[in-house]
Amino acid sequence: MITTLKASGHTASNEGLLPKARIKTIKMTSIICFSFFICWLPATVFHILDVFDISVLDPRFYLILQRLYPLNSAFNPIIFLLFNKHLLPCWSPKSADKTYKSVRTTKTTV
């Protein structure tokens, strides 16, 4: 199924069930959810087991698992930037074509 919209000289087509932007959004959301579970699940399971007095791991490991919590907040901007490469000029293909002219400076004295 192909739908084509024409408005004021512009054409846009939609091939398939989901547009490319929506697939990209779904991938990014699933990776963010996966990183959330990776960062929060181990310590949460350990805490639940500790509440029911089930000792599986040494309590020292709980301190290590607690360090995963803030990593979730650090991963989200990184994931966002990886999926939106146009935000960083060094990753865009146009940045390789740019040549910068040197600016001549003058020395001033006071």
PDB file of N, CA and C in Angstrom:
ATOM      1  N   MET A   1       0.835  -1.175   0.000  1.00  0.00           N
ATOM      2  CA  MET A   1       0.000   0.000   0.000  1.00  0.00           C
ATOM      3  C   MET A   1       0.880   1.239   0.000  1.00  0.00           C
ATOM      4  N   ILE A   2       0.742   2.050  -1.002  1.00  0.00           N
ATOM      5  CA  ILE A   2       1.519   3.272  -1.111  1.00  0.00           C
ATOM      6  C   ILE A   2       0.551   4.439  -1.176  1.00  0.00           C
ATOM      7  N   THR A   3       0.739   5.382  -0.297  1.00  0.00           N
ATOM      8  CA  THR A   3      -0.082   6.583  -0.317  1.00  0.00           C
ATOM      9  C   THR A   3       0.811   7.773  -0.618  1.00  0.00           C
ATOM     10  N   THR A   4       0.348   8.631  -1.482  1.00  0.00           N
ATOM     11  CA  THR A   4       1.113   9.799  -1.860  1.00  0.00           C
ATOM     12  C   THR A   4       0.269  11.036  -1.598  1.00  0.00           C
ATOM     13  N   LEU A   5       0.836  11.987  -0.930  1.00  0.00           N
ATOM     14  CA  LEU A   5       0.160  13.234  -0.630  1.00  0.00           C
ATOM     15  C   LEU A   5       0.838  14.354  -1.406  1.00  0.00           C
ATOM     16  N   LYS A   6       0.036  15.171  -2.068  1.00  0.00           N
ATOM     17  CA  LYS A   6       0.575  16.317  -2.786  1.00  0.00           C
ATOM     18  C   LYS A   6      -0.065  17.571  -2.226  1.00  0.00           C
ATOM     19  N   ALA A   7       0.772  18.451  -1.739  1.00  0.00           N
ATOM     20  CA  ALA A   7       0.290  19.729  -1.237  1.00  0.00           C
ATOM     21  C   ALA A   7       1.329  20.792  -1.533  1.00  0.00           C
ATOM     22  N   SER A   8       0.926  21.792  -2.226  1.00  0.00           N
ATOM     23  CA  SER A   8       1.768  22.934  -2.592  1.00  0.00           C
ATOM     24  C   SER A   8       3.091  22.505  -3.236  1.00  0.00           C
ATOM     25  N   GLY A   9       3.017  21.547  -4.149  1.00  0.00           N
ATOM     26  CA  GLY A   9       4.195  21.143  -4.890  1.00  0.00           C
ATOM     27  C   GLY A   9       5.086  20.131  -4.208  1.00  0.00           C
ATOM     28  N   HIS A  10       4.802  19.733  -2.967  1.00  0.00           N
ATOM     29  CA  HIS A  10       5.605  18.761  -2.240  1.00  0.00           C
ATOM     30  C   HIS A  10       4.917  17.405  -2.300  1.00  0.00           C
ATOM     31  N   THR A  11       5.704  16.350  -2.429  1.00  0.00           N
ATOM     32  CA  THR A  11       5.150  15.001  -2.411  1.00  0.00           C
ATOM     33  C   THR A  11       5.763  14.235  -1.260  1.00  0.00           C
ATOM     34  N   ALA A  12       4.951  13.439  -0.621  1.00  0.00           N
ATOM     35  CA  ALA A  12       5.417  12.580   0.461  1.00  0.00           C
ATOM     36  C   ALA A  12       4.789  11.217   0.269  1.00  0.00           C
ATOM     37  N   SER A  13       5.573  10.189   0.382  1.00  0.00           N
ATOM     38  CA  SER A  13       5.020   8.852   0.209  1.00  0.00           C
ATOM     39  C   SER A  13       5.273   8.039   1.469  1.00  0.00           C
ATOM     40  N   ASN A  14       4.384   7.126   1.708  1.00  0.00           N
ATOM     41  CA  ASN A  14       4.457   6.264   2.876  1.00  0.00           C
ATOM     42  C   ASN A  14       4.386   4.827   2.377  1.00  0.00           C
ATOM     43  N   GLU A  15       5.501   4.135   2.424  1.00  0.00           N
ATOM     44  CA  GLU A  15       5.532   2.752   1.970  1.00  0.00           C
ATOM     45  C   GLU A  15       5.554   1.835   3.174  1.00  0.00           C
ATOM     46  N   GLY A  16       4.733   0.789   3.137  1.00  0.00           N
ATOM     47  CA  GLY A  16       4.707  -0.164   4.222  1.00  0.00           C
ATOM     48  C   GLY A  16       3.777   0.256   5.332  1.00  0.00           C
ATOM     49  N   LEU A  17       3.820  -0.502   6.434  1.00  0.00           N
ATOM     50  CA  LEU A  17       2.935  -0.234   7.551  1.00  0.00           C
ATOM     51  C   LEU A  17       3.366   0.954   8.387  1.00  0.00           C
ATOM     52  N   LEU A  18       4.659   1.037   8.704  1.00  0.00           N
ATOM     53  CA  LEU A  18       5.151   2.098   9.578  1.00  0.00           C
ATOM     54  C   LEU A  18       6.165   2.967   8.846  1.00  0.00           C
ATOM     55  N   PRO A  19       6.068   4.273   9.018  1.00  0.00           N
ATOM     56  CA  PRO A  19       7.091   5.134   8.418  1.00  0.00           C
ATOM     57  C   PRO A  19       8.440   4.957   9.106  1.00  0.00           C
ATOM     58  N   LYS A  20       9.467   5.389   8.430  1.00  0.00           N
ATOM     59  CA  LYS A  20      10.837   5.212   8.924  1.00  0.00           C
ATOM     60  C   LYS A  20      11.054   5.920  10.268  1.00  0.00           C
ATOM     61  N   ALA A  21      10.481   7.096  10.449  1.00  0.00           N
ATOM     62  CA  ALA A  21      10.647   7.837  11.705  1.00  0.00           C
ATOM     63  C   ALA A  21       9.994   7.102  12.867  1.00  0.00           C
ATOM     64  N   ARG A  22       8.868   6.478  12.625  1.00  0.00           N
ATOM     65  CA  ARG A  22       8.191   5.751  13.701  1.00  0.00           C
ATOM     66  C   ARG A  22       8.983   4.510  14.098  1.00  0.00           C
ATOM     67  N   ILE A  23       9.570   3.822  13.144  1.00  0.00           N
ATOM     68  CA  ILE A  23      10.399   2.649  13.447  1.00  0.00           C
ATOM     69  C   ILE A  23      11.613   3.076  14.264  1.00  0.00           C
ATOM     70  N   LYS A  24      12.210   4.211  13.893  1.00  0.00           N
ATOM     71  CA  LYS A  24      13.360   4.732  14.642  1.00  0.00           C
ATOM     72  C   LYS A  24      12.965   5.078  16.074  1.00  0.00           C
ATOM     73  N   THR A  25      11.778   5.652  16.233  1.00  0.00           N
ATOM     74  CA  THR A  25      11.291   5.998  17.568  1.00  0.00           C
ATOM     75  C   THR A  25      11.028   4.759  18.405  1.00  0.00           C
ATOM     76  N   ILE A  26      10.472   3.732  17.794  1.00  0.00           N
ATOM     77  CA  ILE A  26      10.204   2.478  18.509  1.00  0.00           C
ATOM     78  C   ILE A  26      11.513   1.821  18.938  1.00  0.00           C
ATOM     79  N   LYS A  27      12.511   1.836  18.069  1.00  0.00           N
ATOM     80  CA  LYS A  27      13.819   1.261  18.420  1.00  0.00           C
ATOM     81  C   LYS A  27      14.449   2.023  19.581  1.00  0.00           C
ATOM     82  N   MET A  28      14.410   3.357  19.515  1.00  0.00           N
ATOM     83  CA  MET A  28      15.008   4.151  20.568  1.00  0.00           C
ATOM     84  C   MET A  28      14.287   3.935  21.898  1.00  0.00           C
ATOM     85  N   THR A  29      12.968   3.871  21.865  1.00  0.00           N
ATOM     86  CA  THR A  29      12.199   3.647  23.089  1.00  0.00           C
ATOM     87  C   THR A  29      12.481   2.276  23.679  1.00  0.00           C
ATOM     88  N   SER A  30      12.599   1.269  22.836  1.00  0.00           N
ATOM     89  CA  SER A  30      12.883  -0.074  23.356  1.00  0.00           C
ATOM     90  C   SER A  30      14.286  -0.158  23.945  1.00  0.00           C
ATOM     91  N   ILE A  31      15.246   0.529  23.369  1.00  0.00           N
ATOM     92  CA  ILE A  31      16.602   0.533  23.927  1.00  0.00           C
ATOM     93  C   ILE A  31      16.629   1.294  25.248  1.00  0.00           C
ATOM     94  N   ILE A  32      15.882   2.388  25.358  1.00  0.00           N
ATOM     95  CA  ILE A  32      15.802   3.118  26.623  1.00  0.00           C
ATOM     96  C   ILE A  32      15.167   2.254  27.697  1.00  0.00           C
ATOM     97  N   CYS A  33      14.101   1.522  27.349  1.00  0.00           N
ATOM     98  CA  CYS A  33      13.465   0.619  28.322  1.00  0.00           C
ATOM     99  C   CYS A  33      14.406  -0.508  28.727  1.00  0.00           C
ATOM    100  N   PHE A  34      15.147  -1.045  27.763  1.00  0.00           N
ATOM    101  CA  PHE A  34      16.103  -2.114  28.060  1.00  0.00           C
ATOM    102  C   PHE A  34      17.197  -1.618  29.001  1.00  0.00           C
ATOM    103  N   SER A  35      17.702  -0.410  28.763  1.00  0.00           N
ATOM    104  CA  SER A  35      18.740   0.127  29.659  1.00  0.00           C
ATOM    105  C   SER A  35      18.167   0.397  31.046  1.00  0.00           C
ATOM    106  N   PHE A  36      16.895   0.790  31.124  1.00  0.00           N
ATOM    107  CA  PHE A  36      16.254   0.989  32.423  1.00  0.00           C
ATOM    108  C   PHE A  36      16.215  -0.324  33.201  1.00  0.00           C
ATOM    109  N   PHE A  37      15.807  -1.404  32.538  1.00  0.00           N
ATOM    110  CA  PHE A  37      15.740  -2.697  33.222  1.00  0.00           C
ATOM    111  C   PHE A  37      17.117  -3.202  33.616  1.00  0.00           C
ATOM    112  N   ILE A  38      18.103  -2.993  32.775  1.00  0.00           N
ATOM    113  CA  ILE A  38      19.462  -3.435  33.099  1.00  0.00           C
ATOM    114  C   ILE A  38      19.994  -2.687  34.315  1.00  0.00           C
ATOM    115  N   CYS A  39      19.681  -1.404  34.419  1.00  0.00           N
ATOM    116  CA  CYS A  39      20.205  -0.598  35.531  1.00  0.00           C
ATOM    117  C   CYS A  39      19.436  -0.808  36.831  1.00  0.00           C
ATOM    118  N   TRP A  40      18.152  -1.046  36.776  1.00  0.00           N
ATOM    119  CA  TRP A  40      17.341  -1.089  37.988  1.00  0.00           C
ATOM    120  C   TRP A  40      16.985  -2.492  38.457  1.00  0.00           C
ATOM    121  N   LEU A  41      16.902  -3.444  37.567  1.00  0.00           N
ATOM    122  CA  LEU A  41      16.424  -4.772  37.937  1.00  0.00           C
ATOM    123  C   LEU A  41      17.329  -5.524  38.915  1.00  0.00           C
ATOM    124  N   PRO A  42      18.655  -5.574  38.741  1.00  0.00           N
ATOM    125  CA  PRO A  42      19.473  -6.367  39.663  1.00  0.00           C
ATOM    126  C   PRO A  42      19.365  -5.930  41.123  1.00  0.00           C
ATOM    127  N   ALA A  43      19.485  -4.636  41.369  1.00  0.00           N
ATOM    128  CA  ALA A  43      19.412  -4.166  42.751  1.00  0.00           C
ATOM    129  C   ALA A  43      18.008  -4.299  43.318  1.00  0.00           C
ATOM    130  N   THR A  44      16.993  -4.121  42.475  1.00  0.00           N
ATOM    131  CA  THR A  44      15.616  -4.259  42.949  1.00  0.00           C
ATOM    132  C   THR A  44      15.316  -5.695  43.339  1.00  0.00           C
ATOM    133  N   VAL A  45      15.757  -6.643  42.539  1.00  0.00           N
ATOM    134  CA  VAL A  45      15.559  -8.060  42.877  1.00  0.00           C
ATOM    135  C   VAL A  45      16.311  -8.399  44.163  1.00  0.00           C
ATOM    136  N   PHE A  46      17.529  -7.899  44.285  1.00  0.00           N
ATOM    137  CA  PHE A  46      18.302  -8.157  45.493  1.00  0.00           C
ATOM    138  C   PHE A  46      17.611  -7.572  46.718  1.00  0.00           C
ATOM    139  N   HIS A  47      17.031  -6.375  46.573  1.00  0.00           N
ATOM    140  CA  HIS A  47      16.336  -5.742  47.695  1.00  0.00           C
ATOM    141  C   HIS A  47      15.070  -6.520  48.070  1.00  0.00           C
ATOM    142  N   ILE A  48      14.333  -6.995  47.093  1.00  0.00           N
ATOM    143  CA  ILE A  48      13.129  -7.790  47.376  1.00  0.00           C
ATOM    144  C   ILE A  48      13.504  -9.090  48.079  1.00  0.00           C
ATOM    145  N   LEU A  49      14.566  -9.737  47.636  1.00  0.00           N
ATOM    146  CA  LEU A  49      15.015 -10.959  48.294  1.00  0.00           C
ATOM    147  C   LEU A  49      15.479 -10.672  49.723  1.00  0.00           C
ATOM    148  N   ASP A  50      16.082  -9.506  49.929  1.00  0.00           N
ATOM    149  CA  ASP A  50      16.526  -9.127  51.264  1.00  0.00           C
ATOM    150  C   ASP A  50      15.333  -8.868  52.194  1.00  0.00           C
ATOM    151  N   VAL A  51      14.253  -8.328  51.665  1.00  0.00           N
ATOM    152  CA  VAL A  51      13.056  -8.079  52.473  1.00  0.00           C
ATOM    153  C   VAL A  51      12.477  -9.396  52.996  1.00  0.00           C
ATOM    154  N   PHE A  52      12.530 -10.434  52.183  1.00  0.00           N
ATOM    155  CA  PHE A  52      12.010 -11.732  52.584  1.00  0.00           C
ATOM    156  C   PHE A  52      13.071 -12.621  53.243  1.00  0.00           C
ATOM    157  N   ASP A  53      14.185 -12.035  53.640  1.00  0.00           N
ATOM    158  CA  ASP A  53      15.279 -12.730  54.313  1.00  0.00           C
ATOM    159  C   ASP A  53      15.818 -13.909  53.513  1.00  0.00           C
ATOM    160  N   ILE A  54      15.923 -13.730  52.226  1.00  0.00           N
ATOM    161  CA  ILE A  54      16.540 -14.740  51.359  1.00  0.00           C
ATOM    162  C   ILE A  54      17.916 -14.202  50.986  1.00  0.00           C
ATOM    163  N   SER A  55      18.950 -14.828  51.519  1.00  0.00           N
ATOM    164  CA  SER A  55      20.317 -14.357  51.277  1.00  0.00           C
ATOM    165  C   SER A  55      20.907 -15.123  50.103  1.00  0.00           C
ATOM    166  N   VAL A  56      21.002 -14.451  48.998  1.00  0.00           N
ATOM    167  CA  VAL A  56      21.578 -15.063  47.808  1.00  0.00           C
ATOM    168  C   VAL A  56      22.992 -14.546  47.577  1.00  0.00           C
ATOM    169  N   LEU A  57      23.158 -13.240  47.749  1.00  0.00           N
ATOM    170  CA  LEU A  57      24.457 -12.614  47.517  1.00  0.00           C
ATOM    171  C   LEU A  57      24.980 -11.995  48.806  1.00  0.00           C
ATOM    172  N   ASP A  58      26.252 -11.765  48.804  1.00  0.00           N
ATOM    173  CA  ASP A  58      26.901 -11.061  49.908  1.00  0.00           C
ATOM    174  C   ASP A  58      26.389  -9.610  49.928  1.00  0.00           C
ATOM    175  N   PRO A  59      26.113  -9.033  51.080  1.00  0.00           N
ATOM    176  CA  PRO A  59      25.608  -7.646  51.132  1.00  0.00           C
ATOM    177  C   PRO A  59      26.534  -6.624  50.495  1.00  0.00           C
ATOM    178  N   ARG A  60      27.809  -6.941  50.365  1.00  0.00           N
ATOM    179  CA  ARG A  60      28.725  -6.006  49.700  1.00  0.00           C
ATOM    180  C   ARG A  60      28.356  -5.814  48.230  1.00  0.00           C
ATOM    181  N   PHE A  61      27.756  -6.834  47.631  1.00  0.00           N
ATOM    182  CA  PHE A  61      27.358  -6.708  46.238  1.00  0.00           C
ATOM    183  C   PHE A  61      26.220  -5.713  46.062  1.00  0.00           C
ATOM    184  N   TYR A  62      25.453  -5.526  47.122  1.00  0.00           N
ATOM    185  CA  TYR A  62      24.355  -4.570  47.035  1.00  0.00           C
ATOM    186  C   TYR A  62      24.874  -3.159  46.790  1.00  0.00           C
ATOM    187  N   LEU A  63      26.010  -2.814  47.385  1.00  0.00           N
ATOM    188  CA  LEU A  63      26.602  -1.499  47.145  1.00  0.00           C
ATOM    189  C   LEU A  63      27.021  -1.341  45.685  1.00  0.00           C
ATOM    190  N   ILE A  64      27.518  -2.394  45.113  1.00  0.00           N
ATOM    191  CA  ILE A  64      27.902  -2.353  43.699  1.00  0.00           C
ATOM    192  C   ILE A  64      26.663  -2.230  42.821  1.00  0.00           C
ATOM    193  N   LEU A  65      25.612  -2.982  43.158  1.00  0.00           N
ATOM    194  CA  LEU A  65      24.382  -2.929  42.366  1.00  0.00           C
ATOM    195  C   LEU A  65      23.695  -1.575  42.483  1.00  0.00           C
ATOM    196  N   GLN A  66      23.852  -0.901  43.621  1.00  0.00           N
ATOM    197  CA  GLN A  66      23.258   0.420  43.778  1.00  0.00           C
ATOM    198  C   GLN A  66      23.910   1.442  42.857  1.00  0.00           C
ATOM    199  N   ARG A  67      25.128   1.206  42.460  1.00  0.00           N
ATOM    200  CA  ARG A  67      25.818   2.136  41.561  1.00  0.00           C
ATOM    201  C   ARG A  67      25.246   2.100  40.151  1.00  0.00           C
ATOM    202  N   LEU A  68      24.420   1.112  39.847  1.00  0.00           N
ATOM    203  CA  LEU A  68      23.798   1.043  38.525  1.00  0.00           C
ATOM    204  C   LEU A  68      22.639   2.024  38.379  1.00  0.00           C
ATOM    205  N   TYR A  69      22.029   2.447  39.488  1.00  0.00           N
ATOM    206  CA  TYR A  69      20.878   3.347  39.414  1.00  0.00           C
ATOM    207  C   TYR A  69      21.182   4.626  38.638  1.00  0.00           C
ATOM    208  N   PRO A  70      22.236   5.372  38.993  1.00  0.00           N
ATOM    209  CA  PRO A  70      22.474   6.627  38.281  1.00  0.00           C
ATOM    210  C   PRO A  70      22.911   6.436  36.835  1.00  0.00           C
ATOM    211  N   LEU A  71      23.395   5.256  36.493  1.00  0.00           N
ATOM    212  CA  LEU A  71      23.804   5.026  35.111  1.00  0.00           C
ATOM    213  C   LEU A  71      22.631   5.121  34.146  1.00  0.00           C
ATOM    214  N   ASN A  72      21.445   4.841  34.626  1.00  0.00           N
ATOM    215  CA  ASN A  72      20.268   4.958  33.769  1.00  0.00           C
ATOM    216  C   ASN A  72      20.099   6.398  33.296  1.00  0.00           C
ATOM    217  N   SER A  73      20.292   7.339  34.180  1.00  0.00           N
ATOM    218  CA  SER A  73      20.177   8.751  33.798  1.00  0.00           C
ATOM    219  C   SER A  73      21.315   9.171  32.879  1.00  0.00           C
ATOM    220  N   ALA A  74      22.446   8.528  32.976  1.00  0.00           N
ATOM    221  CA  ALA A  74      23.563   8.851  32.093  1.00  0.00           C
ATOM    222  C   ALA A  74      23.386   8.236  30.708  1.00  0.00           C
ATOM    223  N   PHE A  75      22.737   7.080  30.628  1.00  0.00           N
ATOM    224  CA  PHE A  75      22.557   6.402  29.343  1.00  0.00           C
ATOM    225  C   PHE A  75      21.527   7.087  28.450  1.00  0.00           C
ATOM    226  N   ASN A  76      20.493   7.685  29.033  1.00  0.00           N
ATOM    227  CA  ASN A  76      19.418   8.255  28.223  1.00  0.00           C
ATOM    228  C   ASN A  76      19.889   9.336  27.247  1.00  0.00           C
ATOM    229  N   PRO A  77      20.686  10.318  27.656  1.00  0.00           N
ATOM    230  CA  PRO A  77      21.156  11.295  26.663  1.00  0.00           C
ATOM    231  C   PRO A  77      22.081  10.684  25.619  1.00  0.00           C
ATOM    232  N   ILE A  78      22.871   9.697  26.024  1.00  0.00           N
ATOM    233  CA  ILE A  78      23.766   9.042  25.070  1.00  0.00           C
ATOM    234  C   ILE A  78      22.961   8.311  24.011  1.00  0.00           C
ATOM    235  N   ILE A  79      21.932   7.597  24.430  1.00  0.00           N
ATOM    236  CA  ILE A  79      21.064   6.885  23.490  1.00  0.00           C
ATOM    237  C   ILE A  79      20.375   7.881  22.562  1.00  0.00           C
ATOM    238  N   PHE A  80      19.900   8.981  23.116  1.00  0.00           N
ATOM    239  CA  PHE A  80      19.241   9.999  22.303  1.00  0.00           C
ATOM    240  C   PHE A  80      20.183  10.559  21.248  1.00  0.00           C
ATOM    241  N   LEU A  81      21.424  10.841  21.627  1.00  0.00           N
ATOM    242  CA  LEU A  81      22.385  11.377  20.664  1.00  0.00           C
ATOM    243  C   LEU A  81      22.771  10.352  19.608  1.00  0.00           C
ATOM    244  N   LEU A  82      22.837   9.082  19.980  1.00  0.00           N
ATOM    245  CA  LEU A  82      23.169   8.057  18.995  1.00  0.00           C
ATOM    246  C   LEU A  82      22.070   7.918  17.939  1.00  0.00           C
ATOM    247  N   PHE A  83      20.829   8.156  18.336  1.00  0.00           N
ATOM    248  CA  PHE A  83      19.729   8.055  17.382  1.00  0.00           C
ATOM    249  C   PHE A  83      19.466   9.360  16.641  1.00  0.00           C
ATOM    250  N   ASN A  84      20.029  10.458  17.081  1.00  0.00           N
ATOM    251  CA  ASN A  84      19.843  11.751  16.429  1.00  0.00           C
ATOM    252  C   ASN A  84      21.209  12.330  16.078  1.00  0.00           C
ATOM    253  N   LYS A  85      21.852  11.715  15.124  1.00  0.00           N
ATOM    254  CA  LYS A  85      23.215  12.103  14.782  1.00  0.00           C
ATOM    255  C   LYS A  85      23.298  13.493  14.161  1.00  0.00           C
ATOM    256  N   HIS A  86      22.187  13.996  13.662  1.00  0.00           N
ATOM    257  CA  HIS A  86      22.228  15.330  13.065  1.00  0.00           C
ATOM    258  C   HIS A  86      22.421  16.427  14.105  1.00  0.00           C
ATOM    259  N   LEU A  87      22.281  16.117  15.386  1.00  0.00           N
ATOM    260  CA  LEU A  87      22.480  17.114  16.434  1.00  0.00           C
ATOM    261  C   LEU A  87      23.954  17.420  16.667  1.00  0.00           C
ATOM    262  N   LEU A  88      24.812  16.457  16.379  1.00  0.00           N
ATOM    263  CA  LEU A  88      26.249  16.666  16.550  1.00  0.00           C
ATOM    264  C   LEU A  88      26.876  16.954  15.188  1.00  0.00           C
ATOM    265  N   PRO A  89      27.457  18.120  15.015  1.00  0.00           N
ATOM    266  CA  PRO A  89      27.993  18.460  13.699  1.00  0.00           C
ATOM    267  C   PRO A  89      29.173  17.585  13.279  1.00  0.00           C
ATOM    268  N   CYS A  90      29.877  17.001  14.220  1.00  0.00           N
ATOM    269  CA  CYS A  90      31.036  16.190  13.843  1.00  0.00           C
ATOM    270  C   CYS A  90      30.612  14.846  13.244  1.00  0.00           C
ATOM    271  N   TRP A  91      29.365  14.414  13.465  1.00  0.00           N
ATOM    272  CA  TRP A  91      28.913  13.132  12.929  1.00  0.00           C
ATOM    273  C   TRP A  91      28.188  13.269  11.602  1.00  0.00           C
ATOM    274  N   SER A  92      27.871  14.498  11.207  1.00  0.00           N
ATOM    275  CA  SER A  92      27.117  14.658   9.974  1.00  0.00           C
ATOM    276  C   SER A  92      28.054  14.507   8.780  1.00  0.00           C
ATOM    277  N   PRO A  93      27.542  13.966   7.680  1.00  0.00           N
ATOM    278  CA  PRO A  93      28.399  13.810   6.502  1.00  0.00           C
ATOM    279  C   PRO A  93      28.821  15.144   5.907  1.00  0.00           C
ATOM    280  N   LYS A  94      28.088  16.197   6.171  1.00  0.00           N
ATOM    281  CA  LYS A  94      28.446  17.504   5.642  1.00  0.00           C
ATOM    282  C   LYS A  94      29.680  18.077   6.326  1.00  0.00           C
ATOM    283  N   SER A  95      29.961  17.645   7.560  1.00  0.00           N
ATOM    284  CA  SER A  95      31.097  18.204   8.283  1.00  0.00           C
ATOM    285  C   SER A  95      32.425  17.802   7.648  1.00  0.00           C
ATOM    286  N   ALA A  96      32.476  16.688   6.945  1.00  0.00           N
ATOM    287  CA  ALA A  96      33.716  16.265   6.297  1.00  0.00           C
ATOM    288  C   ALA A  96      34.017  17.132   5.079  1.00  0.00           C
ATOM    289  N   ASP A  97      32.970  17.712   4.481  1.00  0.00           N
ATOM    290  CA  ASP A  97      33.158  18.532   3.292  1.00  0.00           C
ATOM    291  C   ASP A  97      33.524  19.976   3.614  1.00  0.00           C
ATOM    292  N   LYS A  98      33.333  20.384   4.852  1.00  0.00           N
ATOM    293  CA  LYS A  98      33.567  21.775   5.207  1.00  0.00           C
ATOM    294  C   LYS A  98      35.063  22.068   5.320  1.00  0.00           C
ATOM    295  N   THR A  99      35.441  23.174   4.750  1.00  0.00           N
ATOM    296  CA  THR A  99      36.791  23.678   4.940  1.00  0.00           C
ATOM    297  C   THR A  99      36.659  25.059   5.554  1.00  0.00           C
ATOM    298  N   TYR A 100      37.424  25.289   6.549  1.00  0.00           N
ATOM    299  CA  TYR A 100      37.347  26.550   7.261  1.00  0.00           C
ATOM    300  C   TYR A 100      38.514  27.427   6.842  1.00  0.00           C
ATOM    301  N   LYS A 101      38.188  28.656   6.508  1.00  0.00           N
ATOM    302  CA  LYS A 101      39.227  29.607   6.148  1.00  0.00           C
ATOM    303  C   LYS A 101      39.780  30.224   7.417  1.00  0.00           C
ATOM    304  N   SER A 102      41.062  30.417   7.415  1.00  0.00           N
ATOM    305  CA  SER A 102      41.666  31.025   8.602  1.00  0.00           C
ATOM    306  C   SER A 102      41.342  32.519   8.615  1.00  0.00           C
ATOM    307  N   VAL A 103      41.175  33.009   9.786  1.00  0.00           N
ATOM    308  CA  VAL A 103      40.847  34.413   9.963  1.00  0.00           C
ATOM    309  C   VAL A 103      42.124  35.144  10.369  1.00  0.00           C
ATOM    310  N   ARG A 104      42.411  36.190   9.686  1.00  0.00           N
ATOM    311  CA  ARG A 104      43.611  36.957   9.979  1.00  0.00           C
ATOM    312  C   ARG A 104      43.337  37.838  11.195  1.00  0.00           C
ATOM    313  N   THR A 105      44.225  37.756  12.146  1.00  0.00           N
ATOM    314  CA  THR A 105      44.075  38.543  13.356  1.00  0.00           C
ATOM    315  C   THR A 105      45.113  39.645  13.399  1.00  0.00           C
ATOM    316  N   THR A 106      44.773  40.698  14.074  1.00  0.00           N
ATOM    317  CA  THR A 106      45.729  41.790  14.239  1.00  0.00           C
ATOM    318  C   THR A 106      46.089  41.921  15.685  1.00  0.00           C
ATOM    319  N   LYS A 107      47.308  42.289  15.929  1.00  0.00           N
ATOM    320  CA  LYS A 107      47.794  42.425  17.298  1.00  0.00           C
ATOM    321  C   LYS A 107      47.507  43.845  17.775  1.00  0.00           C
ATOM    322  N   THR A 108      46.870  43.952  18.901  1.00  0.00           N
ATOM    323  CA  THR A 108      46.571  45.270  19.457  1.00  0.00           C
ATOM    324  C   THR A 108      47.299  45.424  20.774  1.00  0.00           C
ATOM    325  N   THR A 109      47.729  46.626  21.031  1.00  0.00           N
ATOM    326  CA  THR A 109      48.394  46.929  22.294  1.00  0.00           C
ATOM    327  C   THR A 109      47.647  48.038  22.988  1.00  0.00           C
ATOM    328  N   VAL A 110      47.730  48.033  24.282  1.00  0.00           N
ATOM    329  CA  VAL A 110      47.044  49.049  25.068  1.00  0.00           C
ATOM    330  C   VAL A 110      48.028  50.028  25.625  1.00  0.00           C
TER     331      VAL A 110
END
